[in-house]
């Protein structure tokens, strides 16, 4: 019989039943880059013609 106070240890991949390739990190990085470029364009383009 096992001790009920004993901690159960499970690897991350087994607990999630999947692996984490870092897709979310890439999507957030591209989104941040796009937001910076879009905001810069919104500021620079009117400044050139204004």
N, C-alpha and C. Protein backbone atom coordinates (compact mmCIF):
# COMPACT_ATOMS: atom_id res chain seq x y z
N UNK A 1 0.85 -1.18 0.00
CA UNK A 1 0.00 0.00 0.00
C UNK A 1 0.89 1.24 0.00
N UNK A 2 0.54 2.22 -0.82
CA UNK A 2 1.38 3.41 -0.92
C UNK A 2 0.96 4.46 0.11
N UNK A 3 1.91 5.30 0.44
CA UNK A 3 1.66 6.38 1.39
C UNK A 3 0.90 7.51 0.68
N UNK A 4 -0.21 7.97 1.21
CA UNK A 4 -1.01 9.00 0.57
C UNK A 4 -0.39 10.38 0.68
N UNK A 5 0.56 10.57 1.58
CA UNK A 5 1.24 11.86 1.71
C UNK A 5 2.39 12.00 0.71
N UNK A 6 2.69 10.93 0.01
CA UNK A 6 3.78 10.95 -0.94
C UNK A 6 3.37 11.70 -2.21
N UNK A 7 4.24 12.58 -2.70
CA UNK A 7 3.94 13.38 -3.89
C UNK A 7 4.02 12.52 -5.15
N UNK A 8 3.13 12.78 -6.06
CA UNK A 8 3.15 12.10 -7.35
C UNK A 8 3.89 12.98 -8.33
N UNK A 9 4.88 12.44 -8.99
CA UNK A 9 5.68 13.20 -9.94
C UNK A 9 5.43 12.68 -11.35
N UNK A 10 5.01 13.60 -12.23
CA UNK A 10 4.73 13.26 -13.62
C UNK A 10 5.49 14.27 -14.49
N UNK A 11 6.13 13.78 -15.55
CA UNK A 11 6.84 14.66 -16.48
C UNK A 11 5.84 15.60 -17.16
N UNK A 12 6.32 16.79 -17.58
CA UNK A 12 5.46 17.79 -18.20
C UNK A 12 4.76 17.25 -19.44
N UNK A 13 5.50 16.60 -20.33
CA UNK A 13 4.91 16.08 -21.56
C UNK A 13 3.85 15.02 -21.28
N UNK A 14 4.08 14.19 -20.29
CA UNK A 14 3.10 13.17 -19.95
C UNK A 14 1.84 13.80 -19.33
N UNK A 15 2.00 14.82 -18.54
CA UNK A 15 0.86 15.46 -17.91
C UNK A 15 -0.01 16.18 -18.93
N UNK A 16 0.61 16.78 -19.93
CA UNK A 16 -0.13 17.50 -20.97
C UNK A 16 -0.58 16.59 -22.09
N UNK A 17 0.00 15.41 -22.18
CA UNK A 17 -0.25 14.47 -23.27
C UNK A 17 0.14 15.06 -24.61
N UNK A 18 1.14 15.94 -24.60
CA UNK A 18 1.64 16.56 -25.83
C UNK A 18 3.01 17.16 -25.56
N UNK A 19 3.65 17.63 -26.61
CA UNK A 19 4.91 18.33 -26.45
C UNK A 19 4.69 19.80 -26.79
N UNK A 20 5.58 20.65 -26.33
CA UNK A 20 5.45 22.09 -26.55
C UNK A 20 6.57 22.57 -27.45
N UNK A 21 6.30 22.77 -28.74
CA UNK A 21 7.35 23.17 -29.66
C UNK A 21 7.67 24.66 -29.64
N UNK A 22 6.94 25.48 -28.90
CA UNK A 22 7.23 26.90 -28.83
C UNK A 22 6.51 27.72 -29.88
N UNK A 23 5.40 27.22 -30.41
CA UNK A 23 4.66 27.93 -31.45
C UNK A 23 4.10 29.23 -30.91
N UNK A 24 3.60 29.23 -29.70
CA UNK A 24 3.00 30.43 -29.12
C UNK A 24 4.05 31.52 -29.00
N UNK A 25 5.26 31.15 -28.62
CA UNK A 25 6.34 32.12 -28.49
C UNK A 25 6.63 32.78 -29.83
N UNK A 26 6.64 31.99 -30.92
CA UNK A 26 6.88 32.55 -32.26
C UNK A 26 5.75 33.46 -32.69
N UNK A 27 4.51 33.05 -32.43
CA UNK A 27 3.35 33.88 -32.82
C UNK A 27 3.39 35.21 -32.07
N UNK A 28 3.69 35.18 -30.80
CA UNK A 28 3.78 36.42 -30.03
C UNK A 28 4.92 37.30 -30.52
N UNK A 29 6.03 36.70 -30.90
CA UNK A 29 7.16 37.46 -31.42
C UNK A 29 6.82 38.14 -32.74
N UNK A 30 6.18 37.41 -33.66
CA UNK A 30 5.78 37.99 -34.94
C UNK A 30 4.72 39.07 -34.75
N UNK A 31 3.80 38.84 -33.82
CA UNK A 31 2.77 39.84 -33.55
C UNK A 31 3.38 41.12 -32.99
N UNK A 32 4.34 40.99 -32.10
CA UNK A 32 5.01 42.16 -31.54
C UNK A 32 5.76 42.91 -32.63
N UNK A 33 6.47 42.19 -33.48
CA UNK A 33 7.19 42.83 -34.58
C UNK A 33 6.23 43.55 -35.52
N UNK A 34 5.12 42.92 -35.87
CA UNK A 34 4.12 43.54 -36.74
C UNK A 34 3.54 44.79 -36.09
N UNK A 35 3.25 44.74 -34.80
CA UNK A 35 2.69 45.90 -34.11
C UNK A 35 3.68 47.06 -34.10
N UNK A 36 4.95 46.78 -33.87
CA UNK A 36 5.98 47.83 -33.88
C UNK A 36 6.09 48.45 -35.26
N UNK A 37 6.13 47.62 -36.31
CA UNK A 37 6.23 48.13 -37.67
C UNK A 37 4.99 48.94 -38.06
N UNK A 38 3.80 48.48 -37.69
CA UNK A 38 2.57 49.19 -38.03
C UNK A 38 2.50 50.54 -37.31
N UNK A 39 2.87 50.57 -36.04
CA UNK A 39 2.83 51.83 -35.30
C UNK A 39 3.90 52.80 -35.81
N UNK A 40 5.06 52.28 -36.19
CA UNK A 40 6.10 53.14 -36.76
C UNK A 40 5.65 53.72 -38.09
N UNK A 41 5.02 52.91 -38.92
CA UNK A 41 4.53 53.39 -40.21
C UNK A 41 3.44 54.44 -40.01
N UNK A 42 2.58 54.23 -39.04
CA UNK A 42 1.50 55.19 -38.77
C UNK A 42 2.06 56.52 -38.27
N UNK A 43 3.25 56.52 -37.71
CA UNK A 43 3.87 57.74 -37.22
C UNK A 43 4.78 58.38 -38.28
N UNK A 44 5.54 57.55 -39.01
CA UNK A 44 6.54 58.07 -39.95
C UNK A 44 5.90 58.58 -41.23
N UNK A 45 4.95 57.85 -41.80
CA UNK A 45 4.35 58.26 -43.08
C UNK A 45 3.67 59.62 -42.99
N UNK A 46 2.83 59.90 -42.01
CA UNK A 46 2.26 61.26 -41.93
C UNK A 46 3.33 62.34 -41.66
N UNK A 47 4.39 61.98 -40.96
CA UNK A 47 5.44 62.96 -40.67
C UNK A 47 6.20 63.35 -41.96
N UNK A 48 6.29 62.43 -42.91
CA UNK A 48 6.99 62.73 -44.15
C UNK A 48 6.18 63.68 -45.04
N UNK A 49 4.86 63.53 -45.05
CA UNK A 49 4.01 64.36 -45.90
C UNK A 49 3.39 65.53 -45.17
N UNK A 50 3.60 65.64 -43.92
CA UNK A 50 2.96 66.68 -43.14
C UNK A 50 3.83 67.80 -42.90
